[in-house]
Amino acid sequence: ANLDILRGTLSKQLTFLRKKGFIEVKYDQADKRVKYHTLT
């Protein structure tokens, strides 16, 4: 929403950045379906 890009486009970019080791995914302790992104 903030970068005004499609979620599918973002998903591909996040996967790339995660594989490169620049971001990590953290899961909500109360609801494991909820994912948060943080930087390495």
PDB file of all heavy atoms in Angstrom:
ATOM      1  N   ALA A   1       0.824  -1.209   0.000  1.00  0.00           N
ATOM      2  CA  ALA A   1       0.000   0.000   0.000  1.00  0.00           C
ATOM      3  C   ALA A   1       0.858   1.258   0.000  1.00  0.00           C
ATOM      4  O   ALA A   1       0.591   2.199  -0.757  1.00  0.00           O
ATOM      5  CB  ALA A   1      -0.939  -0.010   1.211  1.00  0.00           C
ATOM      6  N   ASN A   2       1.880   1.282   0.809  1.00  0.00           N
ATOM      7  CA  ASN A   2       2.700   2.489   0.929  1.00  0.00           C
ATOM      8  C   ASN A   2       3.604   2.720  -0.271  1.00  0.00           C
ATOM      9  O   ASN A   2       3.905   3.868  -0.606  1.00  0.00           O
ATOM     10  CB  ASN A   2       3.508   2.461   2.223  1.00  0.00           C
ATOM     11  CG  ASN A   2       2.654   2.835   3.410  1.00  0.00           C
ATOM     12  OD1 ASN A   2       2.401   4.002   3.649  1.00  0.00           O
ATOM     13  ND2 ASN A   2       2.154   1.833   4.135  1.00  0.00           N
ATOM     14  N   LEU A   3       4.053   1.655  -0.919  1.00  0.00           N
ATOM     15  CA  LEU A   3       4.888   1.812  -2.111  1.00  0.00           C
ATOM     16  C   LEU A   3       4.054   1.787  -3.386  1.00  0.00           C
ATOM     17  O   LEU A   3       4.591   1.934  -4.480  1.00  0.00           O
ATOM     18  CB  LEU A   3       5.973   0.732  -2.149  1.00  0.00           C
ATOM     19  CG  LEU A   3       6.999   0.779  -1.017  1.00  0.00           C
ATOM     20  CD1 LEU A   3       8.024  -0.333  -1.187  1.00  0.00           C
ATOM     21  CD2 LEU A   3       7.675   2.132  -0.946  1.00  0.00           C
ATOM     22  N   ASP A   4       2.743   1.573  -3.226  1.00  0.00           N
ATOM     23  CA  ASP A   4       1.801   1.574  -4.350  1.00  0.00           C
ATOM     24  C   ASP A   4       2.212   0.561  -5.417  1.00  0.00           C
ATOM     25  O   ASP A   4       2.350   0.881  -6.601  1.00  0.00           O
ATOM     26  CB  ASP A   4       1.675   2.976  -4.946  1.00  0.00           C
ATOM     27  CG  ASP A   4       0.442   3.117  -5.827  1.00  0.00           C
ATOM     28  OD1 ASP A   4      -0.509   2.329  -5.644  1.00  0.00           O
ATOM     29  OD2 ASP A   4       0.443   3.996  -6.709  1.00  0.00           O
ATOM     30  N   ILE A   5       2.413  -0.684  -4.970  1.00  0.00           N
ATOM     31  CA  ILE A   5       2.746  -1.770  -5.886  1.00  0.00           C
ATOM     32  C   ILE A   5       1.792  -2.932  -5.653  1.00  0.00           C
ATOM     33  O   ILE A   5       1.195  -3.053  -4.575  1.00  0.00           O
ATOM     34  CB  ILE A   5       4.217  -2.242  -5.735  1.00  0.00           C
ATOM     35  CG1 ILE A   5       4.517  -2.657  -4.297  1.00  0.00           C
ATOM     36  CG2 ILE A   5       5.180  -1.183  -6.204  1.00  0.00           C
ATOM     37  CD1 ILE A   5       5.908  -3.226  -4.093  1.00  0.00           C
ATOM     38  N   LEU A   6       1.645  -3.768  -6.650  1.00  0.00           N
ATOM     39  CA  LEU A   6       0.770  -4.931  -6.533  1.00  0.00           C
ATOM     40  C   LEU A   6       1.363  -5.936  -5.550  1.00  0.00           C
ATOM     41  O   LEU A   6       2.574  -6.095  -5.458  1.00  0.00           O
ATOM     42  CB  LEU A   6       0.592  -5.593  -7.901  1.00  0.00           C
ATOM     43  CG  LEU A   6      -0.060  -4.740  -8.980  1.00  0.00           C
ATOM     44  CD1 LEU A   6       0.001  -5.462 -10.325  1.00  0.00           C
ATOM     45  CD2 LEU A   6      -1.489  -4.399  -8.606  1.00  0.00           C
ATOM     46  N   ARG A   7       0.478  -6.635  -4.847  1.00  0.00           N
ATOM     47  CA  ARG A   7       0.956  -7.604  -3.852  1.00  0.00           C
ATOM     48  C   ARG A   7       1.733  -8.739  -4.497  1.00  0.00           C
ATOM     49  O   ARG A   7       2.690  -9.246  -3.923  1.00  0.00           O
ATOM     50  CB  ARG A   7      -0.209  -8.112  -3.010  1.00  0.00           C
ATOM     51  CG  ARG A   7      -0.727  -6.970  -2.110  1.00  0.00           C
ATOM     52  CD  ARG A   7      -1.656  -7.405  -1.068  1.00  0.00           C
ATOM     53  NE  ARG A   7      -1.052  -8.402  -0.203  1.00  0.00           N
ATOM     54  CZ  ARG A   7      -1.660  -8.893   0.849  1.00  0.00           C
ATOM     55  NH1 ARG A   7      -2.847  -8.478   1.185  1.00  0.00           N
ATOM     56  NH2 ARG A   7      -1.081  -9.805   1.588  1.00  0.00           N
ATOM     57  N   GLY A   8       1.347  -9.140  -5.707  1.00  0.00           N
ATOM     58  CA  GLY A   8       2.085 -10.201  -6.407  1.00  0.00           C
ATOM     59  C   GLY A   8       3.499  -9.764  -6.744  1.00  0.00           C
ATOM     60  O   GLY A   8       4.449 -10.534  -6.600  1.00  0.00           O
ATOM     61  N   THR A   9       3.630  -8.518  -7.194  1.00  0.00           N
ATOM     62  CA  THR A   9       4.951  -7.959  -7.485  1.00  0.00           C
ATOM     63  C   THR A   9       5.783  -7.923  -6.212  1.00  0.00           C
ATOM     64  O   THR A   9       6.952  -8.317  -6.204  1.00  0.00           O
ATOM     65  CB  THR A   9       4.815  -6.535  -8.063  1.00  0.00           C
ATOM     66  OG1 THR A   9       4.055  -6.601  -9.268  1.00  0.00           O
ATOM     67  CG2 THR A   9       6.171  -5.906  -8.321  1.00  0.00           C
ATOM     68  N   LEU A  10       5.159  -7.464  -5.127  1.00  0.00           N
ATOM     69  CA  LEU A  10       5.863  -7.386  -3.845  1.00  0.00           C
ATOM     70  C   LEU A  10       6.294  -8.770  -3.376  1.00  0.00           C
ATOM     71  O   LEU A  10       7.425  -8.942  -2.913  1.00  0.00           O
ATOM     72  CB  LEU A  10       4.989  -6.718  -2.783  1.00  0.00           C
ATOM     73  CG  LEU A  10       5.606  -6.670  -1.391  1.00  0.00           C
ATOM     74  CD1 LEU A  10       6.873  -5.823  -1.379  1.00  0.00           C
ATOM     75  CD2 LEU A  10       4.601  -6.168  -0.376  1.00  0.00           C
ATOM     76  N   SER A  11       5.430  -9.738  -3.506  1.00  0.00           N
ATOM     77  CA  SER A  11       5.747 -11.092  -3.054  1.00  0.00           C
ATOM     78  C   SER A  11       7.004 -11.622  -3.737  1.00  0.00           C
ATOM     79  O   SER A  11       7.882 -12.202  -3.080  1.00  0.00           O
ATOM     80  CB  SER A  11       4.559 -12.017  -3.334  1.00  0.00           C
ATOM     81  OG  SER A  11       4.872 -13.339  -2.961  1.00  0.00           O
ATOM     82  N   LYS A  12       7.114 -11.406  -5.043  1.00  0.00           N
ATOM     83  CA  LYS A  12       8.308 -11.852  -5.783  1.00  0.00           C
ATOM     84  C   LYS A  12       9.559 -11.133  -5.279  1.00  0.00           C
ATOM     85  O   LYS A  12      10.621 -11.745  -5.123  1.00  0.00           O
ATOM     86  CB  LYS A  12       8.126 -11.598  -7.272  1.00  0.00           C
ATOM     87  CG  LYS A  12       7.101 -12.495  -7.917  1.00  0.00           C
ATOM     88  CD  LYS A  12       6.864 -12.108  -9.360  1.00  0.00           C
ATOM     89  CE  LYS A  12       5.679 -12.890  -9.914  1.00  0.00           C
ATOM     90  NZ  LYS A  12       5.245 -12.383 -11.204  1.00  0.00           N
ATOM     91  N   GLN A  13       9.428  -9.843  -5.034  1.00  0.00           N
ATOM     92  CA  GLN A  13      10.577  -9.066  -4.563  1.00  0.00           C
ATOM     93  C   GLN A  13      10.989  -9.494  -3.150  1.00  0.00           C
ATOM     94  O   GLN A  13      12.182  -9.607  -2.851  1.00  0.00           O
ATOM     95  CB  GLN A  13      10.269  -7.566  -4.601  1.00  0.00           C
ATOM     96  CG  GLN A  13       9.945  -7.029  -5.980  1.00  0.00           C
ATOM     97  CD  GLN A  13      11.053  -7.279  -6.988  1.00  0.00           C
ATOM     98  OE1 GLN A  13      12.233  -7.143  -6.691  1.00  0.00           O
ATOM     99  NE2 GLN A  13      10.677  -7.648  -8.200  1.00  0.00           N
ATOM    100  N   LEU A  14      10.016  -9.722  -2.288  1.00  0.00           N
ATOM    101  CA  LEU A  14      10.327 -10.155  -0.919  1.00  0.00           C
ATOM    102  C   LEU A  14      11.014 -11.517  -0.919  1.00  0.00           C
ATOM    103  O   LEU A  14      11.956 -11.751  -0.154  1.00  0.00           O
ATOM    104  CB  LEU A  14       9.054 -10.192  -0.067  1.00  0.00           C
ATOM    105  CG  LEU A  14       8.444  -8.842   0.284  1.00  0.00           C
ATOM    106  CD1 LEU A  14       7.089  -9.031   0.956  1.00  0.00           C
ATOM    107  CD2 LEU A  14       9.375  -8.010   1.154  1.00  0.00           C
ATOM    108  N   THR A  15      10.552 -12.411  -1.780  1.00  0.00           N
ATOM    109  CA  THR A  15      11.187 -13.734  -1.883  1.00  0.00           C
ATOM    110  C   THR A  15      12.646 -13.578  -2.314  1.00  0.00           C
ATOM    111  O   THR A  15      13.540 -14.194  -1.731  1.00  0.00           O
ATOM    112  CB  THR A  15      10.417 -14.630  -2.879  1.00  0.00           C
ATOM    113  OG1 THR A  15       9.087 -14.821  -2.379  1.00  0.00           O
ATOM    114  CG2 THR A  15      11.100 -15.969  -3.061  1.00  0.00           C
ATOM    115  N   PHE A  16      12.886 -12.748  -3.317  1.00  0.00           N
ATOM    116  CA  PHE A  16      14.248 -12.487  -3.782  1.00  0.00           C
ATOM    117  C   PHE A  16      15.111 -11.921  -2.653  1.00  0.00           C
ATOM    118  O   PHE A  16      16.230 -12.392  -2.406  1.00  0.00           O
ATOM    119  CB  PHE A  16      14.216 -11.520  -4.971  1.00  0.00           C
ATOM    120  CG  PHE A  16      15.572 -11.090  -5.432  1.00  0.00           C
ATOM    121  CD1 PHE A  16      16.310 -11.875  -6.306  1.00  0.00           C
ATOM    122  CD2 PHE A  16      16.127  -9.890  -4.991  1.00  0.00           C
ATOM    123  CE1 PHE A  16      17.572 -11.478  -6.732  1.00  0.00           C
ATOM    124  CE2 PHE A  16      17.386  -9.484  -5.413  1.00  0.00           C
ATOM    125  CZ  PHE A  16      18.113 -10.283  -6.281  1.00  0.00           C
ATOM    126  N   LEU A  17      14.590 -10.921  -1.954  1.00  0.00           N
ATOM    127  CA  LEU A  17      15.354 -10.268  -0.877  1.00  0.00           C
ATOM    128  C   LEU A  17      15.609 -11.218   0.289  1.00  0.00           C
ATOM    129  O   LEU A  17      16.666 -11.168   0.914  1.00  0.00           O
ATOM    130  CB  LEU A  17      14.631  -9.002  -0.409  1.00  0.00           C
ATOM    131  CG  LEU A  17      14.541  -7.881  -1.455  1.00  0.00           C
ATOM    132  CD1 LEU A  17      13.611  -6.777  -0.969  1.00  0.00           C
ATOM    133  CD2 LEU A  17      15.918  -7.335  -1.783  1.00  0.00           C
ATOM    134  N   ARG A  18      14.658 -12.104   0.557  1.00  0.00           N
ATOM    135  CA  ARG A  18      14.848 -13.085   1.630  1.00  0.00           C
ATOM    136  C   ARG A  18      15.931 -14.087   1.232  1.00  0.00           C
ATOM    137  O   ARG A  18      16.814 -14.419   2.025  1.00  0.00           O
ATOM    138  CB  ARG A  18      13.522 -13.785   1.939  1.00  0.00           C
ATOM    139  CG  ARG A  18      13.573 -14.636   3.194  1.00  0.00           C
ATOM    140  CD  ARG A  18      12.222 -15.207   3.602  1.00  0.00           C
ATOM    141  NE  ARG A  18      11.609 -16.014   2.569  1.00  0.00           N
ATOM    142  CZ  ARG A  18      10.555 -15.655   1.824  1.00  0.00           C
ATOM    143  NH1 ARG A  18       9.967 -14.502   2.009  1.00  0.00           N
ATOM    144  NH2 ARG A  18      10.065 -16.460   0.906  1.00  0.00           N
ATOM    145  N   LYS A  19      15.892 -14.554  -0.026  1.00  0.00           N
ATOM    146  CA  LYS A  19      16.908 -15.506  -0.495  1.00  0.00           C
ATOM    147  C   LYS A  19      18.307 -14.887  -0.506  1.00  0.00           C
ATOM    148  O   LYS A  19      19.295 -15.584  -0.286  1.00  0.00           O
ATOM    149  CB  LYS A  19      16.551 -16.021  -1.897  1.00  0.00           C
ATOM    150  CG  LYS A  19      15.398 -16.991  -1.888  1.00  0.00           C
ATOM    151  CD  LYS A  19      15.068 -17.473  -3.288  1.00  0.00           C
ATOM    152  CE  LYS A  19      13.922 -18.462  -3.263  1.00  0.00           C
ATOM    153  NZ  LYS A  19      13.532 -18.892  -4.623  1.00  0.00           N
ATOM    154  N   LYS A  20      18.391 -13.590  -0.739  1.00  0.00           N
ATOM    155  CA  LYS A  20      19.675 -12.884  -0.722  1.00  0.00           C
ATOM    156  C   LYS A  20      20.155 -12.624   0.707  1.00  0.00           C
ATOM    157  O   LYS A  20      21.292 -12.202   0.910  1.00  0.00           O
ATOM    158  CB  LYS A  20      19.563 -11.542  -1.458  1.00  0.00           C
ATOM    159  CG  LYS A  20      19.468 -11.692  -2.952  1.00  0.00           C
ATOM    160  CD  LYS A  20      20.803 -12.167  -3.486  1.00  0.00           C
ATOM    161  CE  LYS A  20      20.972 -11.866  -4.938  1.00  0.00           C
ATOM    162  NZ  LYS A  20      22.256 -12.296  -5.441  1.00  0.00           N
ATOM    163  N   GLY A  21      19.290 -12.832   1.681  1.00  0.00           N
ATOM    164  CA  GLY A  21      19.679 -12.646   3.073  1.00  0.00           C
ATOM    165  C   GLY A  21      19.535 -11.210   3.577  1.00  0.00           C
ATOM    166  O   GLY A  21      20.155 -10.841   4.575  1.00  0.00           O
ATOM    167  N   PHE A  22      18.684 -10.416   2.929  1.00  0.00           N
ATOM    168  CA  PHE A  22      18.507  -9.020   3.337  1.00  0.00           C
ATOM    169  C   PHE A  22      17.302  -8.817   4.249  1.00  0.00           C
ATOM    170  O   PHE A  22      17.241  -7.841   4.986  1.00  0.00           O
ATOM    171  CB  PHE A  22      18.367  -8.105   2.112  1.00  0.00           C
ATOM    172  CG  PHE A  22      19.548  -8.176   1.185  1.00  0.00           C
ATOM    173  CD1 PHE A  22      19.365  -8.175  -0.183  1.00  0.00           C
ATOM    174  CD2 PHE A  22      20.850  -8.249   1.667  1.00  0.00           C
ATOM    175  CE1 PHE A  22      20.445  -8.241  -1.053  1.00  0.00           C
ATOM    176  CE2 PHE A  22      21.934  -8.316   0.817  1.00  0.00           C
ATOM    177  CZ  PHE A  22      21.739  -8.314  -0.552  1.00  0.00           C
ATOM    178  N   ILE A  23      16.326  -9.719   4.161  1.00  0.00           N
ATOM    179  CA  ILE A  23      15.158  -9.631   5.029  1.00  0.00           C
ATOM    180  C   ILE A  23      14.870 -10.991   5.651  1.00  0.00           C
ATOM    181  O   ILE A  23      15.322 -12.027   5.151  1.00  0.00           O
ATOM    182  CB  ILE A  23      13.897  -9.117   4.291  1.00  0.00           C
ATOM    183  CG1 ILE A  23      13.444 -10.120   3.224  1.00  0.00           C
ATOM    184  CG2 ILE A  23      14.128  -7.739   3.692  1.00  0.00           C
ATOM    185  CD1 ILE A  23      12.080  -9.793   2.639  1.00  0.00           C
ATOM    186  N   GLU A  24      14.121 -10.946   6.733  1.00  0.00           N
ATOM    187  CA  GLU A  24      13.660 -12.161   7.410  1.00  0.00           C
ATOM    188  C   GLU A  24      12.160 -12.045   7.617  1.00  0.00           C
ATOM    189  O   GLU A  24      11.620 -10.940   7.712  1.00  0.00           O
ATOM    190  CB  GLU A  24      14.323 -12.300   8.790  1.00  0.00           C
ATOM    191  CG  GLU A  24      15.806 -12.523   8.743  1.00  0.00           C
ATOM    192  CD  GLU A  24      16.425 -12.602  10.124  1.00  0.00           C
ATOM    193  OE1 GLU A  24      15.855 -12.034  11.084  1.00  0.00           O
ATOM    194  OE2 GLU A  24      17.491 -13.212  10.250  1.00  0.00           O
ATOM    195  N   VAL A  25      11.518 -13.202   7.713  1.00  0.00           N
ATOM    196  CA  VAL A  25      10.091 -13.238   8.018  1.00  0.00           C
ATOM    197  C   VAL A  25       9.944 -13.731   9.445  1.00  0.00           C
ATOM    198  O   VAL A  25      10.551 -14.721   9.846  1.00  0.00           O
ATOM    199  CB  VAL A  25       9.343 -14.184   7.049  1.00  0.00           C
ATOM    200  CG1 VAL A  25       7.889 -14.322   7.452  1.00  0.00           C
ATOM    201  CG2 VAL A  25       9.470 -13.681   5.627  1.00  0.00           C
ATOM    202  N   LYS A  26       9.142 -13.003  10.202  1.00  0.00           N
ATOM    203  CA  LYS A  26       8.829 -13.402  11.576  1.00  0.00           C
ATOM    204  C   LYS A  26       7.324 -13.644  11.639  1.00  0.00           C
ATOM    205  O   LYS A  26       6.541 -12.949  10.990  1.00  0.00           O
ATOM    206  CB  LYS A  26       9.204 -12.298  12.574  1.00  0.00           C
ATOM    207  CG  LYS A  26      10.656 -11.861  12.511  1.00  0.00           C
ATOM    208  CD  LYS A  26      11.562 -12.873  13.127  1.00  0.00           C
ATOM    209  CE  LYS A  26      12.995 -12.356  13.114  1.00  0.00           C
ATOM    210  NZ  LYS A  26      13.942 -13.235  13.667  1.00  0.00           N
ATOM    211  N   TYR A  27       6.932 -14.633  12.420  1.00  0.00           N
ATOM    212  CA  TYR A  27       5.520 -14.973  12.526  1.00  0.00           C
ATOM    213  C   TYR A  27       4.963 -14.487  13.857  1.00  0.00           C
ATOM    214  O   TYR A  27       5.641 -14.545  14.879  1.00  0.00           O
ATOM    215  CB  TYR A  27       5.320 -16.484  12.380  1.00  0.00           C
ATOM    216  CG  TYR A  27       5.657 -16.962  10.986  1.00  0.00           C
ATOM    217  CD1 TYR A  27       6.947 -17.368  10.658  1.00  0.00           C
ATOM    218  CD2 TYR A  27       4.689 -16.966   9.994  1.00  0.00           C
ATOM    219  CE1 TYR A  27       7.263 -17.781   9.370  1.00  0.00           C
ATOM    220  CE2 TYR A  27       5.000 -17.378   8.706  1.00  0.00           C
ATOM    221  CZ  TYR A  27       6.284 -17.777   8.402  1.00  0.00           C
ATOM    222  OH  TYR A  27       6.597 -18.188   7.127  1.00  0.00           O
ATOM    223  N   ASP A  28       3.722 -14.035  13.811  1.00  0.00           N
ATOM    224  CA  ASP A  28       3.028 -13.574  15.012  1.00  0.00           C
ATOM    225  C   ASP A  28       2.874 -14.751  15.974  1.00  0.00           C
ATOM    226  O   ASP A  28       2.481 -15.846  15.558  1.00  0.00           O
ATOM    227  CB  ASP A  28       1.655 -13.012  14.602  1.00  0.00           C
ATOM    228  CG  ASP A  28       0.938 -12.339  15.756  1.00  0.00           C
ATOM    229  OD1 ASP A  28       0.546 -13.061  16.700  1.00  0.00           O
ATOM    230  OD2 ASP A  28       0.767 -11.120  15.697  1.00  0.00           O
ATOM    231  N   GLN A  29       3.191 -14.535  17.228  1.00  0.00           N
ATOM    232  CA  GLN A  29       3.110 -15.618  18.217  1.00  0.00           C
ATOM    233  C   GLN A  29       1.671 -16.078  18.450  1.00  0.00           C
ATOM    234  O   GLN A  29       1.427 -17.261  18.658  1.00  0.00           O
ATOM    235  CB  GLN A  29       3.735 -15.165  19.553  1.00  0.00           C
ATOM    236  CG  GLN A  29       5.219 -14.899  19.471  1.00  0.00           C
ATOM    237  CD  GLN A  29       6.019 -16.124  19.059  1.00  0.00           C
ATOM    238  OE1 GLN A  29       5.739 -17.236  19.477  1.00  0.00           O
ATOM    239  NE2 GLN A  29       7.005 -15.920  18.202  1.00  0.00           N
ATOM    240  N   ALA A  30       0.727 -15.149  18.387  1.00  0.00           N
ATOM    241  CA  ALA A  30      -0.671 -15.486  18.632  1.00  0.00           C
ATOM    242  C   ALA A  30      -1.349 -16.088  17.399  1.00  0.00           C
ATOM    243  O   ALA A  30      -2.264 -16.897  17.527  1.00  0.00           O
ATOM    244  CB  ALA A  30      -1.437 -14.241  19.085  1.00  0.00           C
ATOM    245  N   ASP A  31      -0.917 -15.696  16.223  1.00  0.00           N
ATOM    246  CA  ASP A  31      -1.533 -16.166  14.978  1.00  0.00           C
ATOM    247  C   ASP A  31      -0.431 -16.415  13.951  1.00  0.00           C
ATOM    248  O   ASP A  31       0.052 -15.484  13.306  1.00  0.00           O
ATOM    249  CB  ASP A  31      -2.532 -15.128  14.462  1.00  0.00           C
ATOM    250  CG  ASP A  31      -3.310 -15.611  13.249  1.00  0.00           C
ATOM    251  OD1 ASP A  31      -2.955 -16.666  12.667  1.00  0.00           O
ATOM    252  OD2 ASP A  31      -4.278 -14.928  12.859  1.00  0.00           O
ATOM    253  N   LYS A  32      -0.051 -17.655  13.802  1.00  0.00           N
ATOM    254  CA  LYS A  32       1.081 -18.030  12.933  1.00  0.00           C
ATOM    255  C   LYS A  32       0.837 -17.716  11.449  1.00  0.00           C
ATOM    256  O   LYS A  32       1.750 -17.765  10.649  1.00  0.00           O
ATOM    257  CB  LYS A  32       1.420 -19.522  13.086  1.00  0.00           C
ATOM    258  CG  LYS A  32       1.871 -19.898  14.476  1.00  0.00           C
ATOM    259  CD  LYS A  32       3.219 -19.285  14.777  1.00  0.00           C
ATOM    260  CE  LYS A  32       3.702 -19.757  16.135  1.00  0.00           C
ATOM    261  NZ  LYS A  32       4.891 -19.081  16.576  1.00  0.00           N
ATOM    262  N   ARG A  33      -0.413 -17.380  11.083  1.00  0.00           N
ATOM    263  CA  ARG A  33      -0.691 -17.006   9.694  1.00  0.00           C
ATOM    264  C   ARG A  33      -0.191 -15.599   9.384  1.00  0.00           C
ATOM    265  O   ARG A  33       0.009 -15.241   8.240  1.00  0.00           O
ATOM    266  CB  ARG A  33      -2.190 -17.076   9.414  1.00  0.00           C
ATOM    267  CG  ARG A  33      -2.769 -18.486   9.526  1.00  0.00           C
ATOM    268  CD  ARG A  33      -4.258 -18.444   9.416  1.00  0.00           C
ATOM    269  NE  ARG A  33      -4.782 -17.645  10.537  1.00  0.00           N
ATOM    270  CZ  ARG A  33      -6.046 -17.289  10.685  1.00  0.00           C
ATOM    271  NH1 ARG A  33      -6.935 -17.616   9.783  1.00  0.00           N
ATOM    272  NH2 ARG A  33      -6.429 -16.588  11.734  1.00  0.00           N
ATOM    273  N   VAL A  34       0.007 -14.785  10.416  1.00  0.00           N
ATOM    274  CA  VAL A  34       0.415 -13.393  10.246  1.00  0.00           C
ATOM    275  C   VAL A  34       1.935 -13.317  10.179  1.00  0.00           C
ATOM    276  O   VAL A  34       2.628 -13.779  11.086  1.00  0.00           O
ATOM    277  CB  VAL A  34      -0.127 -12.515  11.398  1.00  0.00           C
ATOM    278  CG1 VAL A  34       0.342 -11.079  11.241  1.00  0.00           C
ATOM    279  CG2 VAL A  34      -1.649 -12.592  11.464  1.00  0.00           C
ATOM    280  N   LYS A  35       2.433 -12.732   9.068  1.00  0.00           N
ATOM    281  CA  LYS A  35       3.875 -12.618   8.852  1.00  0.00           C
ATOM    282  C   LYS A  35       4.307 -11.153   8.911  1.00  0.00           C
ATOM    283  O   LYS A  35       3.615 -10.279   8.397  1.00  0.00           O
ATOM    284  CB  LYS A  35       4.271 -13.176   7.482  1.00  0.00           C
ATOM    285  CG  LYS A  35       4.003 -14.636   7.307  1.00  0.00           C
ATOM    286  CD  LYS A  35       4.630 -15.187   6.036  1.00  0.00           C
ATOM    287  CE  LYS A  35       4.027 -14.591   4.795  1.00  0.00           C
ATOM    288  NZ  LYS A  35       4.507 -15.245   3.563  1.00  0.00           N
ATOM    289  N   TYR A  36       5.459 -10.949   9.524  1.00  0.00           N
ATOM    290  CA  TYR A  36       6.065  -9.623   9.580  1.00  0.00           C
ATOM    291  C   TYR A  36       7.434  -9.683   8.914  1.00  0.00           C
ATOM    292  O   TYR A  36       8.117 -10.701   8.980  1.00  0.00           O
ATOM    293  CB  TYR A  36       6.236  -9.168  11.038  1.00  0.00           C
ATOM    294  CG  TYR A  36       4.942  -9.044  11.781  1.00  0.00           C
ATOM    295  CD1 TYR A  36       4.516 -10.046  12.638  1.00  0.00           C
ATOM    296  CD2 TYR A  36       4.140  -7.925  11.620  1.00  0.00           C
ATOM    297  CE1 TYR A  36       3.322  -9.940  13.327  1.00  0.00           C
ATOM    298  CE2 TYR A  36       2.939  -7.805  12.304  1.00  0.00           C
ATOM    299  CZ  TYR A  36       2.537  -8.814  13.156  1.00  0.00           C
ATOM    300  OH  TYR A  36       1.346  -8.702  13.831  1.00  0.00           O
ATOM    301  N   HIS A  37       7.815  -8.576   8.318  1.00  0.00           N
ATOM    302  CA  HIS A  37       9.112  -8.512   7.648  1.00  0.00           C
ATOM    303  C   HIS A  37      10.046  -7.607   8.438  1.00  0.00           C
ATOM    304  O   HIS A  37       9.645  -6.543   8.922  1.00  0.00           O
ATOM    305  CB  HIS A  37       8.949  -7.984   6.228  1.00  0.00           C
ATOM    306  CG  HIS A  37       8.004  -8.821   5.421  1.00  0.00           C
ATOM    307  ND1 HIS A  37       8.369 -10.035   4.889  1.00  0.00           N
ATOM    308  CD2 HIS A  37       6.707  -8.640   5.100  1.00  0.00           C
ATOM    309  CE1 HIS A  37       7.338 -10.559   4.259  1.00  0.00           C
ATOM    310  NE2 HIS A  37       6.321  -9.734   4.374  1.00  0.00           N
ATOM    311  N   THR A  38      11.279  -8.060   8.567  1.00  0.00           N
ATOM    312  CA  THR A  38      12.304  -7.297   9.257  1.00  0.00           C
ATOM    313  C   THR A  38      13.612  -7.464   8.475  1.00  0.00           C
ATOM    314  O   THR A  38      13.727  -8.359   7.640  1.00  0.00           O
ATOM    315  CB  THR A  38      12.438  -7.757  10.726  1.00  0.00           C
ATOM    316  OG1 THR A  38      13.298  -6.869  11.421  1.00  0.00           O
ATOM    317  CG2 THR A  38      12.925  -9.181  10.838  1.00  0.00           C
ATOM    318  N   LEU A  39      14.568  -6.621   8.746  1.00  0.00           N
ATOM    319  CA  LEU A  39      15.832  -6.661   8.017  1.00  0.00           C
ATOM    320  C   LEU A  39      16.890  -7.434   8.782  1.00  0.00           C
ATOM    321  O   LEU A  39      16.935  -7.415  10.010  1.00  0.00           O
ATOM    322  CB  LEU A  39      16.352  -5.239   7.774  1.00  0.00           C
ATOM    323  CG  LEU A  39      15.484  -4.326   6.914  1.00  0.00           C
ATOM    324  CD1 LEU A  39      16.113  -2.940   6.830  1.00  0.00           C
ATOM    325  CD2 LEU A  39      15.283  -4.898   5.525  1.00  0.00           C
ATOM    326  N   THR A  40      17.764  -8.071   8.027  1.00  0.00           N
ATOM    327  CA  THR A  40      18.974  -8.652   8.592  1.00  0.00           C
ATOM    328  C   THR A  40      19.986  -7.508   8.744  1.00  0.00           C
ATOM    329  O   THR A  40      19.734  -6.380   8.297  1.00  0.00           O
ATOM    330  CB  THR A  40      19.553  -9.719   7.648  1.00  0.00           C
ATOM    331  OG1 THR A  40      19.931  -9.077   6.423  1.00  0.00           O
ATOM    332  CG2 THR A  40      18.554 -10.843   7.386  1.00  0.00           C
TER     333      THR A  40
END
